[in-house]
Amino acid sequence: MTIMRDEPIASSLPPGLAGWSMDTTFDTTDDRELGGIVTSKPLLTGVIEGFYGRAWTPRQRLEMLDWIVGSGMNTFVYGPKDDIKIRARWREIYNAAEAAELQDLVEAARARKLNFMVAIAPCLDVVYSDASDLKALKRRLDQLLALGVKHFALLFDDIPRTMAAADDRAFDSFAAAQVYFTNSAFEHLKSQVEQPVLLFCPTEYCGAFAGHDVPGSAYLNTVGEGLNPEIGVFWTGPDIVSKTLSAEGLREIGRVLRRKPVIWENFHANDYDIRRVMAGPLGGRKAEILGLIDGLITNPNNEFEANFVPVHTTGAFARGVDVEGDALAAALPIWQKRFRLAFTQPTKLLPLEDVRLLVELFYQPFRQGPEVEALLQTARRMLSEAHPDVTSATWREGHAAITGLRDRIRNLFDLMTELENRDLFYAFHPYLWEAREEVTHLVTYLDWLAEGHPEGTEFPDRDRIYNFYRRGFTVAVQELLPRDPSGRYRHHL
């Protein structure tokens, strides 16, 4: 499954991330629990461009290949939803120009001794029992084989669980239809090339989609029983974006699937929330899970430039490195080199403490960076009373600390506008703009409290309200169903 590298590219590996091995194998005593199928083989690790939204450019994909090598991983999966021939028009082969562009990427991956995988998602309108649809899929696979691709993924994610009338007559279940179609594709691959690799993304690709009852899922059990044991299966964990991945949960899905899952890692994905970006390290995973999976493929932010730390810390985790300590500390100064300020000396970079602040502000999907979170906790304590004692030393110290954060964010924003790398600037610009505006509003309110506002006055006054208050259609909809702190909807008359 993995192509060996003779020697690592040491120049692209920061201290603390060196010493990786492309053939790292994690064995486990739990193999006996996976339906008798022993899966002691190299871990498939890397990046999938598998999100919804604007795809990366050819230049960015080439750079991602270097990041994958530099992070010690071994695989790139080409699967952008924006490529219409992956999903909506999956039956159509690539034209000459598209094929040439793809072949350039295949050859670039081969030069770096990386696995290059292409995804096809025939799930929107496939008729599983239709011989012509299977023939169309084989034609697509044959074109990709001719381009040198030997690693493939068939994706059946994010679709209704309905079938054509012909499939209802031909198959016992939705899962049985997908198993037949995928097994047929794999048999075709095996007839054309030695040792092909095929991964399958099920429609129930997380515990939530299985009704939080993985052992009781008829769909997953059918997949486990019927899918060729040589085919890998993607799994995102208990949720689409999983806060944690537990050893117990992975043993459970492994028993049902009769193989170790390949983790489709959505921890840093942001296509589901256009107002967030995840620039921090991987979290919520412990090294004990590495022996219970066959792969770890991260599906990161849409914004290419935001993915340096996510990719490098994911690679570090796959090798057992402390992610939020050693790996993050090692990745930041390497990433800093991309933050060259224009119109300055060639060595003038954004200061490292500002790069760290950027990561802290846009850290992980379930928490802020430690320093930023501590300051937010300070602000929460300061505002926990309707009429705080603004003369106390504790309150004044907190006021100064939040003001200092505002000043740092303002300075970071100003410096980012001067970046020579405009893709990097625009990757963070809308998020950093919003962070600057909101922390400025917070400090202005704290200033107002500290000044001892006259009785009966309000903040902000009428002349400033629309400069402070976000408006528009989406806000109007949100106001209809305000959320409580747990994220659940509440309404009041």
Protein backbone atom coordinates (compact mmCIF):
# COMPACT_ATOMS: atom_id res chain seq x y z
CA MET A 1 0.00 0.00 0.00
CA THR A 2 2.93 2.35 0.64
CA ILE A 3 5.86 3.24 -1.58
CA MET A 4 9.11 3.40 0.34
CA ARG A 5 11.38 6.42 0.38
CA ASP A 6 15.09 5.60 0.29
CA GLU A 7 16.06 8.75 2.18
CA PRO A 8 13.87 11.44 3.75
CA ILE A 9 14.02 14.96 2.37
CA ALA A 10 15.75 16.34 5.45
CA SER A 11 15.71 19.95 4.25
CA SER A 12 11.91 20.05 4.46
CA LEU A 13 11.71 18.52 7.91
CA PRO A 14 11.84 20.89 10.89
CA PRO A 15 13.65 19.81 14.05
CA GLY A 16 11.36 17.65 16.08
CA LEU A 17 9.66 16.31 12.96
CA ALA A 18 12.69 14.49 11.57
CA GLY A 19 13.34 10.80 11.80
CA TRP A 20 10.13 9.71 10.11
CA SER A 21 9.85 6.49 8.19
CA MET A 22 7.51 6.02 5.26
CA ASP A 23 7.03 2.33 6.10
CA THR A 24 5.96 2.85 9.72
CA THR A 25 3.82 -0.12 10.75
CA PHE A 26 1.61 -0.21 13.81
CA ASP A 27 0.71 -3.74 14.86
CA THR A 28 -1.93 -4.49 17.47
CA THR A 29 -3.06 -7.37 19.61
CA ASP A 30 -6.61 -6.47 18.63
CA ASP A 31 -6.31 -8.04 15.16
CA ARG A 32 -8.06 -11.14 16.45
CA GLU A 33 -11.16 -9.03 17.12
CA LEU A 34 -11.51 -7.86 13.52
CA GLY A 35 -13.32 -10.83 12.07
CA GLY A 36 -10.16 -12.90 11.75
CA ILE A 37 -8.58 -10.47 9.28
CA VAL A 38 -5.05 -9.56 10.34
CA THR A 39 -4.12 -6.09 9.13
CA SER A 40 -0.50 -5.49 10.00
CA LYS A 41 0.66 -3.17 7.22
CA PRO A 42 2.08 0.30 6.72
CA LEU A 43 -0.14 3.16 7.84
CA LEU A 44 -1.61 5.15 4.95
CA THR A 45 -1.13 8.79 5.95
CA GLY A 46 -1.61 12.05 4.13
CA VAL A 47 -4.00 14.67 2.84
CA ILE A 48 -7.24 14.51 0.89
CA GLU A 49 -8.43 17.51 -1.07
CA GLY A 50 -11.97 16.40 -0.46
CA PHE A 51 -13.89 19.45 0.69
CA TYR A 52 -16.84 21.36 -0.78
CA GLY A 53 -15.90 24.73 -2.26
CA ARG A 54 -13.20 26.26 -4.44
CA ALA A 55 -10.52 23.69 -5.22
CA TRP A 56 -6.81 24.26 -4.78
CA THR A 57 -4.79 25.37 -7.78
CA PRO A 58 -2.28 23.10 -9.56
CA ARG A 59 0.55 25.09 -7.98
CA GLN A 60 -0.92 24.67 -4.53
CA ARG A 61 -1.30 20.93 -5.01
CA LEU A 62 2.36 20.65 -5.93
CA GLU A 63 3.25 22.55 -2.79
CA MET A 64 0.97 20.29 -0.77
CA LEU A 65 2.95 17.30 -2.02
CA ASP A 66 6.04 18.89 -0.50
CA TRP A 67 4.22 19.54 2.75
CA ILE A 68 3.15 15.90 2.86
CA VAL A 69 6.73 14.74 2.40
CA GLY A 70 7.95 17.30 4.93
CA SER A 71 5.43 16.05 7.49
CA GLY A 72 6.52 12.45 7.07
CA MET A 73 3.33 11.26 5.41
CA ASN A 74 2.98 9.25 2.23
CA THR A 75 -0.28 9.92 0.36
CA PHE A 76 -2.21 12.61 -1.49
CA VAL A 77 -5.85 12.03 -2.42
CA TYR A 78 -7.26 14.09 -5.26
CA GLY A 79 -10.98 14.46 -4.62
CA PRO A 80 -12.19 18.09 -4.69
CA LYS A 81 -15.97 18.32 -4.86
CA ASP A 82 -15.40 21.30 -7.18
CA ASP A 83 -14.13 18.88 -9.85
CA ILE A 84 -17.46 18.15 -11.49
CA LYS A 85 -16.19 14.87 -12.96
CA ILE A 86 -15.61 13.44 -9.51
CA ARG A 87 -19.25 13.64 -8.45
CA ALA A 88 -21.96 15.22 -10.62
CA ARG A 89 -20.56 14.00 -13.98
CA TRP A 90 -18.64 10.98 -12.77
CA ARG A 91 -19.43 9.02 -15.95
CA GLU A 92 -17.42 11.42 -18.13
CA ILE A 93 -13.73 10.86 -18.68
CA TYR A 94 -11.31 13.76 -18.44
CA ASN A 95 -10.59 15.64 -21.66
CA ALA A 96 -7.04 15.94 -22.97
CA ALA A 97 -6.23 19.14 -21.07
CA GLU A 98 -7.68 17.85 -17.81
CA ALA A 99 -5.89 14.52 -18.17
CA ALA A 100 -2.57 16.25 -18.86
CA GLU A 101 -2.94 18.38 -15.73
CA LEU A 102 -3.76 15.33 -13.67
CA GLN A 103 -0.85 13.38 -15.11
CA ASP A 104 1.52 16.20 -14.16
CA LEU A 105 0.35 15.75 -10.59
CA VAL A 106 0.73 11.97 -10.79
CA GLU A 107 4.31 12.35 -11.97
CA ALA A 108 5.07 14.97 -9.32
CA ALA A 109 3.83 12.59 -6.62
CA ARG A 110 5.86 9.73 -8.09
CA ALA A 111 8.99 11.92 -8.10
CA ARG A 112 8.46 12.46 -4.38
CA LYS A 113 7.74 8.75 -3.89
CA LEU A 114 4.22 9.46 -2.67
CA ASN A 115 1.05 7.48 -3.19
CA PHE A 116 -1.32 9.39 -5.46
CA MET A 117 -5.00 8.51 -5.08
CA VAL A 118 -7.97 9.71 -7.13
CA ALA A 119 -11.51 9.76 -5.77
CA ILE A 120 -14.69 9.08 -7.73
CA ALA A 121 -18.10 9.72 -6.18
CA PRO A 122 -20.78 8.07 -8.33
CA CYS A 123 -23.32 8.31 -5.56
CA LEU A 124 -25.70 11.06 -6.67
CA ASP A 125 -27.40 9.25 -9.52
CA VAL A 126 -25.79 5.82 -9.92
CA VAL A 127 -27.97 2.83 -10.71
CA TYR A 128 -26.00 0.06 -9.06
CA SER A 129 -27.64 -2.74 -11.06
CA ASP A 130 -27.21 -1.00 -14.41
CA ALA A 131 -24.42 -2.63 -16.40
CA SER A 132 -23.87 0.59 -18.32
CA ASP A 133 -23.09 2.49 -15.10
CA LEU A 134 -20.57 -0.13 -14.05
CA LYS A 135 -19.07 0.06 -17.52
CA ALA A 136 -18.83 3.86 -17.20
CA LEU A 137 -17.01 3.49 -13.90
CA LYS A 138 -14.56 1.00 -15.38
CA ARG A 139 -13.93 3.39 -18.26
CA ARG A 140 -13.07 6.13 -15.76
CA LEU A 141 -10.76 3.77 -13.87
CA ASP A 142 -9.05 2.69 -17.08
CA GLN A 143 -8.30 6.29 -18.02
CA LEU A 144 -6.78 6.92 -14.60
CA LEU A 145 -4.78 3.69 -14.77
CA ALA A 146 -3.36 4.86 -18.10
CA LEU A 147 -2.24 8.06 -16.37
CA GLY A 148 -0.32 6.00 -13.83
CA VAL A 149 -2.84 6.07 -10.96
CA LYS A 150 -2.95 2.87 -8.86
CA HIS A 151 -4.70 4.17 -5.74
CA PHE A 152 -8.42 4.92 -5.85
CA ALA A 153 -11.30 5.88 -3.58
CA LEU A 154 -15.00 5.33 -4.21
CA LEU A 155 -17.09 7.77 -2.20
CA PHE A 156 -20.73 7.26 -1.24
CA ASP A 157 -20.94 10.05 1.33
CA ASP A 158 -23.53 12.77 1.88
CA ILE A 159 -26.38 11.27 -0.13
CA PRO A 160 -29.98 10.21 0.56
CA ARG A 161 -30.45 6.55 1.37
CA THR A 162 -32.64 5.88 -1.63
CA MET A 163 -32.21 3.72 -4.70
CA ALA A 164 -33.68 3.44 -8.17
CA ALA A 165 -36.58 1.03 -8.55
CA ALA A 166 -34.33 -1.37 -10.48
CA ASP A 167 -31.92 -1.51 -7.55
CA ASP A 168 -34.72 -2.16 -5.09
CA ARG A 169 -35.56 -5.24 -7.12
CA ALA A 170 -31.94 -6.35 -7.58
CA PHE A 171 -30.50 -5.92 -4.07
CA ASP A 172 -31.53 -6.76 -0.55
CA SER A 173 -30.40 -3.38 0.76
CA PHE A 174 -28.76 -0.06 0.01
CA ALA A 175 -25.51 -1.33 1.50
CA ALA A 176 -25.60 -4.53 -0.57
CA ALA A 177 -25.88 -2.45 -3.75
CA GLN A 178 -22.82 -0.38 -2.83
CA VAL A 179 -20.86 -3.47 -1.86
CA TYR A 180 -21.61 -5.10 -5.23
CA PHE A 181 -20.62 -1.98 -7.16
CA THR A 182 -17.40 -1.46 -5.19
CA ASN A 183 -16.35 -5.10 -5.30
CA SER A 184 -16.91 -5.13 -9.05
CA ALA A 185 -14.73 -2.06 -9.47
CA PHE A 186 -11.98 -3.63 -7.37
CA GLU A 187 -12.03 -6.87 -9.35
CA HIS A 188 -11.65 -4.81 -12.51
CA LEU A 189 -8.66 -2.97 -11.03
CA LYS A 190 -7.03 -6.25 -10.03
CA SER A 191 -7.44 -7.54 -13.58
CA GLN A 192 -5.62 -4.49 -14.95
CA VAL A 193 -2.76 -3.78 -12.53
CA GLU A 194 -0.83 -5.43 -9.73
CA GLN A 195 -1.59 -4.46 -6.15
CA PRO A 196 -4.15 -1.71 -6.70
CA VAL A 197 -5.45 0.11 -3.63
CA LEU A 198 -9.12 0.96 -3.23
CA LEU A 199 -10.76 2.80 -0.35
CA PHE A 200 -14.53 2.93 0.17
CA CYS A 201 -16.37 5.79 1.89
CA PRO A 202 -19.66 4.49 3.27
CA THR A 203 -22.83 6.52 3.50
CA GLU A 204 -22.77 5.84 7.25
CA TYR A 205 -19.25 7.18 7.68
CA CYS A 206 -19.57 8.20 11.34
CA GLY A 207 -21.28 6.99 14.48
CA ALA A 208 -23.92 9.72 14.29
CA PHE A 209 -25.04 8.50 10.86
CA ALA A 210 -25.32 4.98 12.28
CA GLY A 211 -27.75 6.25 14.90
CA HIS A 212 -24.98 6.14 17.52
CA ASP A 213 -25.32 2.34 17.43
CA VAL A 214 -22.44 1.06 15.33
CA PRO A 215 -22.82 -2.64 16.29
CA GLY A 216 -26.53 -2.47 15.55
CA SER A 217 -26.20 -0.82 12.13
CA ALA A 218 -27.51 -3.14 9.43
CA TYR A 219 -25.77 -0.98 6.83
CA LEU A 220 -22.31 -1.20 8.41
CA ASN A 221 -22.66 -4.89 9.15
CA THR A 222 -23.53 -5.56 5.51
CA VAL A 223 -20.48 -3.59 4.42
CA GLY A 224 -18.27 -5.50 6.84
CA GLU A 225 -19.59 -8.88 5.76
CA GLY A 226 -19.68 -8.29 2.02
CA LEU A 227 -16.95 -5.85 1.05
CA ASN A 228 -13.76 -7.45 -0.28
CA PRO A 229 -11.38 -7.59 2.73
CA GLU A 230 -8.63 -5.96 0.66
CA ILE A 231 -10.69 -2.76 0.33
CA GLY A 232 -10.16 -0.12 3.01
CA VAL A 233 -13.06 1.76 4.58
CA PHE A 234 -13.11 5.43 5.55
CA TRP A 235 -14.45 6.46 8.96
CA THR A 236 -14.62 9.92 10.57
CA GLY A 237 -15.29 8.78 14.14
CA PRO A 238 -18.33 9.36 16.34
CA ASP A 239 -19.25 12.51 14.38
CA ILE A 240 -18.56 14.14 11.04
CA VAL A 241 -16.06 16.36 12.86
CA SER A 242 -15.04 14.31 15.88
CA LYS A 243 -13.82 15.98 19.03
CA THR A 244 -12.08 12.78 20.07
CA LEU A 245 -11.26 9.39 18.60
CA SER A 246 -11.20 6.70 21.25
CA ALA A 247 -9.56 3.30 21.18
CA GLU A 248 -12.83 1.75 22.30
CA GLY A 249 -14.75 3.35 19.44
CA LEU A 250 -12.18 2.24 16.87
CA ARG A 251 -12.20 -1.33 18.15
CA GLU A 252 -15.98 -1.28 17.84
CA ILE A 253 -16.05 -0.09 14.22
CA GLY A 254 -13.16 -2.44 13.41
CA ARG A 255 -15.17 -5.43 14.62
CA VAL A 256 -18.21 -4.39 12.59
CA LEU A 257 -16.23 -3.68 9.41
CA ARG A 258 -13.96 -6.71 9.92
CA ARG A 259 -10.97 -4.50 9.22
CA LYS A 260 -9.30 -1.47 10.71
CA PRO A 261 -10.79 1.78 9.42
CA VAL A 262 -8.93 4.45 7.51
CA ILE A 263 -9.64 7.71 9.32
CA TRP A 264 -10.98 10.50 7.12
CA GLU A 265 -9.85 13.24 9.48
CA ASN A 266 -12.20 16.24 9.41
CA PHE A 267 -10.70 17.89 12.49
CA HIS A 268 -9.39 20.86 10.48
CA ALA A 269 -12.14 20.98 7.85
CA ASN A 270 -14.01 24.28 7.56
CA ASP A 271 -16.27 23.83 4.54
CA TYR A 272 -19.21 23.38 6.91
CA ASP A 273 -18.63 26.79 8.55
CA ILE A 274 -17.54 29.59 6.26
CA ARG A 275 -16.80 31.92 9.19
CA ARG A 276 -14.09 29.77 10.74
CA VAL A 277 -10.62 28.52 9.90
CA MET A 278 -8.66 25.88 11.85
CA ALA A 279 -4.97 26.74 11.87
CA GLY A 280 -3.89 24.92 15.02
CA PRO A 281 -2.52 21.45 15.75
CA LEU A 282 -4.44 18.19 15.66
CA GLY A 283 -6.08 17.43 19.00
CA GLY A 284 -8.34 14.99 20.79
CA ARG A 285 -6.39 11.93 19.63
CA LYS A 286 -3.99 9.72 21.60
CA ALA A 287 -1.20 7.55 20.24
CA GLU A 288 -3.01 4.42 21.43
CA ILE A 289 -5.35 4.63 18.43
CA LEU A 290 -2.56 4.24 15.86
CA GLY A 291 -2.56 0.46 16.18
CA LEU A 292 -6.30 0.36 15.54
CA ILE A 293 -6.41 2.12 12.17
CA ASP A 294 -5.08 1.43 8.70
CA GLY A 295 -4.71 5.06 7.76
CA LEU A 296 -5.05 8.69 8.74
CA ILE A 297 -5.97 11.04 5.88
CA THR A 298 -6.72 14.64 6.80
CA ASN A 299 -9.32 16.70 4.91
CA PRO A 300 -8.25 20.21 5.96
CA ASN A 301 -9.30 23.83 5.43
CA ASN A 302 -10.48 25.06 2.04
CA GLU A 303 -7.91 27.85 2.35
CA PHE A 304 -4.69 26.17 1.27
CA GLU A 305 -2.33 28.51 3.12
CA ALA A 306 -4.06 27.86 6.45
CA ASN A 307 -3.06 24.19 6.40
CA PHE A 308 0.65 24.17 7.19
CA VAL A 309 0.33 23.52 10.93
CA PRO A 310 -2.65 21.13 10.52
CA VAL A 311 -0.79 19.00 7.97
CA HIS A 312 2.51 18.92 9.80
CA THR A 313 1.03 18.14 13.19
CA THR A 314 -1.17 15.42 11.69
CA GLY A 315 1.94 13.83 10.25
CA ALA A 316 3.70 14.17 13.59
CA PHE A 317 0.78 12.50 15.38
CA ALA A 318 0.90 9.58 12.95
CA ARG A 319 4.51 9.03 14.05
CA GLY A 320 3.70 9.32 17.75
CA VAL A 321 5.12 12.82 18.31
CA ASP A 322 3.58 15.10 20.95
CA VAL A 323 1.39 17.26 18.74
CA GLU A 324 0.54 20.33 20.83
CA GLY A 325 4.01 20.47 22.30
CA ASP A 326 6.99 19.36 20.23
CA ALA A 327 5.28 19.21 16.82
CA LEU A 328 3.63 22.62 17.07
CA ALA A 329 6.79 24.23 18.39
CA ALA A 330 8.76 22.72 15.50
CA ALA A 331 6.26 23.65 12.79
CA LEU A 332 5.79 27.33 13.69
CA PRO A 333 9.29 28.63 12.77
CA ILE A 334 9.18 26.68 9.50
CA TRP A 335 5.78 28.17 8.65
CA GLN A 336 7.06 31.61 9.65
CA LYS A 337 9.25 31.63 6.54
CA ARG A 338 6.11 32.06 4.43
CA PHE A 339 5.29 35.30 6.26
CA ARG A 340 7.77 37.58 4.49
CA LEU A 341 6.80 41.24 4.66
CA ALA A 342 6.87 43.06 1.32
CA PHE A 343 8.96 46.15 0.66
CA THR A 344 11.45 45.14 3.35
CA GLN A 345 14.74 43.35 3.62
CA PRO A 346 14.57 39.75 2.31
CA THR A 347 14.89 38.40 5.85
CA LYS A 348 12.10 40.52 7.36
CA LEU A 349 9.42 38.12 8.55
CA LEU A 350 6.32 38.38 10.66
CA PRO A 351 7.61 37.92 14.22
CA LEU A 352 7.24 34.39 15.54
CA GLU A 353 5.07 35.56 18.44
CA ASP A 354 2.60 36.96 15.90
CA VAL A 355 2.54 33.71 13.95
CA ARG A 356 1.78 31.94 17.22
CA LEU A 357 -0.99 34.44 17.99
CA LEU A 358 -2.54 33.74 14.58
CA VAL A 359 -2.64 30.04 15.43
CA GLU A 360 -4.00 30.75 18.92
CA LEU A 361 -6.88 32.80 17.49
CA PHE A 362 -7.88 30.12 14.98
CA TYR A 363 -6.81 27.04 16.86
CA GLN A 364 -9.15 24.06 16.77
CA PRO A 365 -12.85 23.42 16.15
CA PHE A 366 -13.61 22.80 19.82
CA ARG A 367 -11.39 25.30 21.62
CA GLN A 368 -9.23 28.39 21.32
CA GLY A 369 -5.49 28.40 21.83
CA PRO A 370 -4.47 28.16 25.51
CA GLU A 371 -3.32 31.78 25.87
CA VAL A 372 -6.34 33.23 24.07
CA GLU A 373 -8.74 31.00 25.99
CA ALA A 374 -7.24 32.15 29.30
CA LEU A 375 -7.87 35.78 28.31
CA LEU A 376 -11.44 34.97 27.28
CA GLN A 377 -11.99 33.33 30.65
CA THR A 378 -10.73 36.53 32.26
CA ALA A 379 -13.28 38.54 30.26
CA ARG A 380 -16.06 36.14 31.23
CA ARG A 381 -15.25 36.60 34.90
CA MET A 382 -15.16 40.38 34.49
CA LEU A 383 -18.63 40.38 32.93
CA SER A 384 -20.18 37.76 35.17
CA GLU A 385 -21.86 40.50 37.26
CA ALA A 386 -24.33 43.09 36.02
CA HIS A 387 -22.52 45.79 38.00
CA PRO A 388 -18.89 44.71 38.43
CA ASP A 389 -16.52 46.51 40.76
CA VAL A 390 -14.43 48.25 38.11
CA THR A 391 -12.18 49.76 40.77
CA SER A 392 -10.85 46.44 42.05
CA ALA A 393 -7.28 45.46 41.22
CA THR A 394 -8.45 42.20 39.65
CA TRP A 395 -10.86 43.99 37.31
CA ARG A 396 -8.29 46.61 36.30
CA GLU A 397 -5.68 43.92 35.59
CA GLY A 398 -8.17 42.02 33.46
CA HIS A 399 -9.10 45.21 31.61
CA ALA A 400 -5.43 45.82 30.83
CA ALA A 401 -4.90 42.22 29.69
CA ILE A 402 -7.86 42.30 27.26
CA THR A 403 -6.73 45.69 25.97
CA GLY A 404 -3.29 44.19 25.38
CA LEU A 405 -4.85 41.38 23.36
CA ARG A 406 -6.73 43.91 21.26
CA ASP A 407 -3.52 45.79 20.56
CA ARG A 408 -1.71 42.60 19.57
CA ILE A 409 -4.51 41.58 17.21
CA ARG A 410 -4.58 45.06 15.65
CA ASN A 411 -0.83 44.92 15.12
CA LEU A 412 -1.06 41.42 13.65
CA PHE A 413 -3.79 42.56 11.27
CA ASP A 414 -1.73 45.55 10.11
CA LEU A 415 1.39 43.43 9.55
CA MET A 416 -0.57 40.75 7.68
CA THR A 417 -1.73 43.37 5.15
CA GLU A 418 1.92 43.78 4.19
CA LEU A 419 2.60 40.10 3.46
CA GLU A 420 4.32 39.40 0.19
CA ASN A 421 2.40 36.11 -0.03
CA ARG A 422 -1.05 37.47 -0.88
CA ASP A 423 -2.64 34.01 -0.86
CA LEU A 424 -1.55 33.67 2.75
CA PHE A 425 -2.92 37.12 3.58
CA TYR A 426 -6.31 36.48 2.00
CA ALA A 427 -6.56 33.03 3.58
CA PHE A 428 -6.84 34.73 6.98
CA HIS A 429 -8.05 38.23 6.12
CA PRO A 430 -11.83 37.84 6.70
CA TYR A 431 -11.34 35.87 9.91
CA LEU A 432 -8.71 38.23 11.29
CA TRP A 433 -10.81 41.25 10.34
CA GLU A 434 -13.72 39.87 12.35
CA ALA A 435 -11.48 39.03 15.30
CA ARG A 436 -10.09 42.57 15.30
CA GLU A 437 -13.55 44.15 15.12
CA GLU A 438 -15.07 42.03 17.87
CA VAL A 439 -12.21 42.40 20.34
CA THR A 440 -12.25 46.14 19.68
CA HIS A 441 -15.96 46.23 20.54
CA LEU A 442 -15.24 44.28 23.72
CA VAL A 443 -12.53 46.65 24.88
CA THR A 444 -14.66 49.68 24.02
CA TYR A 445 -17.42 48.28 26.23
CA LEU A 446 -14.98 47.57 29.06
CA ASP A 447 -13.71 51.15 28.71
CA TRP A 448 -17.29 52.38 29.00
CA LEU A 449 -17.84 50.37 32.15
CA ALA A 450 -14.56 51.56 33.65
CA GLU A 451 -15.45 55.21 33.03
CA GLY A 452 -18.49 54.92 35.31
CA HIS A 453 -21.26 55.56 32.76
CA PRO A 454 -24.17 57.74 33.89
CA GLU A 455 -27.29 55.99 35.16
CA GLY A 456 -29.74 55.12 32.39
CA THR A 457 -27.24 55.34 29.53
CA GLU A 458 -26.79 52.47 27.07
CA PHE A 459 -23.89 51.13 25.09
CA PRO A 460 -23.43 51.74 22.27
CA ASP A 461 -25.49 54.88 21.78
CA ARG A 462 -28.01 55.11 18.95
CA ASP A 463 -25.62 56.82 16.54
CA ARG A 464 -23.18 53.88 16.67
CA ILE A 465 -25.45 50.84 16.86
CA TYR A 466 -25.24 49.79 13.21
CA ASN A 467 -21.46 50.03 13.20
CA PHE A 468 -21.36 47.60 16.10
CA TYR A 469 -24.15 45.19 15.27
CA ARG A 470 -23.98 42.55 12.57
CA ARG A 471 -27.04 42.60 10.32
CA GLY A 472 -28.29 40.82 7.20
CA PHE A 473 -30.46 37.90 6.18
CA THR A 474 -28.53 35.15 8.00
CA VAL A 475 -28.53 37.13 11.24
CA ALA A 476 -32.27 37.67 10.90
CA VAL A 477 -32.76 33.92 10.57
CA GLN A 478 -30.51 33.23 13.55
CA GLU A 479 -32.51 35.66 15.67
CA LEU A 480 -35.62 33.55 15.06
CA LEU A 481 -33.96 30.61 16.79
CA PRO A 482 -31.34 31.81 19.25
CA ARG A 483 -29.08 29.12 20.64
CA ASP A 484 -28.34 28.33 24.25
CA PRO A 485 -24.70 27.78 25.37
CA SER A 486 -24.91 24.10 24.36
CA GLY A 487 -25.82 25.06 20.78
CA ARG A 488 -29.43 23.93 21.00
CA TYR A 489 -32.19 26.13 19.67
CA ARG A 490 -34.55 28.03 21.91
CA HIS A 491 -37.24 30.54 21.04
CA HIS A 492 -39.19 32.99 23.14
CA LEU A 493 -42.31 34.99 22.27
